[in-house]
Amino acid sequence: MDWSLFGCARKGHVTYAPSEPELRERLVAPTPAGQAWRCLRCGAYATDGQHSSGPAAEAPLVRRGKELRSELLLRVFAVERLFRFLVLGAAAYGVWRFRYDKAGVQRAFNDALPAIRDLYRGLGFDVTHSKLLGFIQHSFTLNPRVLLYLAIGLAVYAVIELVEAVGLWLGKRWGEYFAMVATSVFLPYEIYDLTVKITWLRVGAFAVNLLLVIYLVWTKRLFGVRGGKRAYDARLRAESVIEVEQAAVLAAQPGHG
């Protein structure tokens, strides 16, 4: 799959007119519809898209090929983080409301418990000794102040997940750092949770988070790994259309090489 073409199909072409004449000539072609400029992302000539101009050194760094595939993968993680935000946010709101009417909520929970057990039994799970079920039942004995603190904790956790989701979706470097650190902080707890009891859900959640941390550090060169941000930007420039054309112009000059 050509990820560059896929990116242009979604976002449109990105063209740039360098002020250097010899380089400008290599990036433009006349057409009946007007001048067509070479797209910095897919390399095709286009008469539409986001167009800008200036010195070649100031050309925008456009993600191409594998970088677009990486962007798509991070957006998958972003959607997963957004789902967590929604679940945690709903839980925080539920706990906050629940502290005012524990008796009513407990009655509703006890009435729904048989149906919950039957549902999970049909899926192959036995929730009779579930930690989550035990936590919910224990929460009915907590005083309102403790429940308020619990709601605040869940809300903070939800906000962390939301910031991760936004940063990863936008592909911002701060978002990559934030997601890596925020995810790493909870890995020790997940490891401890696995020592208590191994379930497919816990193993899956731990594997996803661990892979995200490794992927971000390695591919995005965080914390100076593999040369850090400077090496990351240098690789983007080396793969850009502008750089390729500059190299071609230089190679064509007499006496070069």
Foldseek 3Di string as FASTA:
>chain_A
DFLLVVVCVVANFEFEQAPDVVLNVVFWDADPVGIWGQGFARRDTHPDDHYYYYHLVPDDLDDYDVRSVVLVVLLVVLVVLLVLLVVLLVVLVCLLVCLVPLPVVVVVCVVCVVVVQVVVVVVVDGCPVPPVVVVVVVVSVDHSVVSNVVSVVSNVSSVLSNLLSVCSNVVHPVSLVSLLVVLVVCLVVLVVVVVVDDDPVSVVVNVVSVVSNVCSCALQVPPCRPHHPVVVVVVSLCPTPSNVSVVVVQVPDPPHD
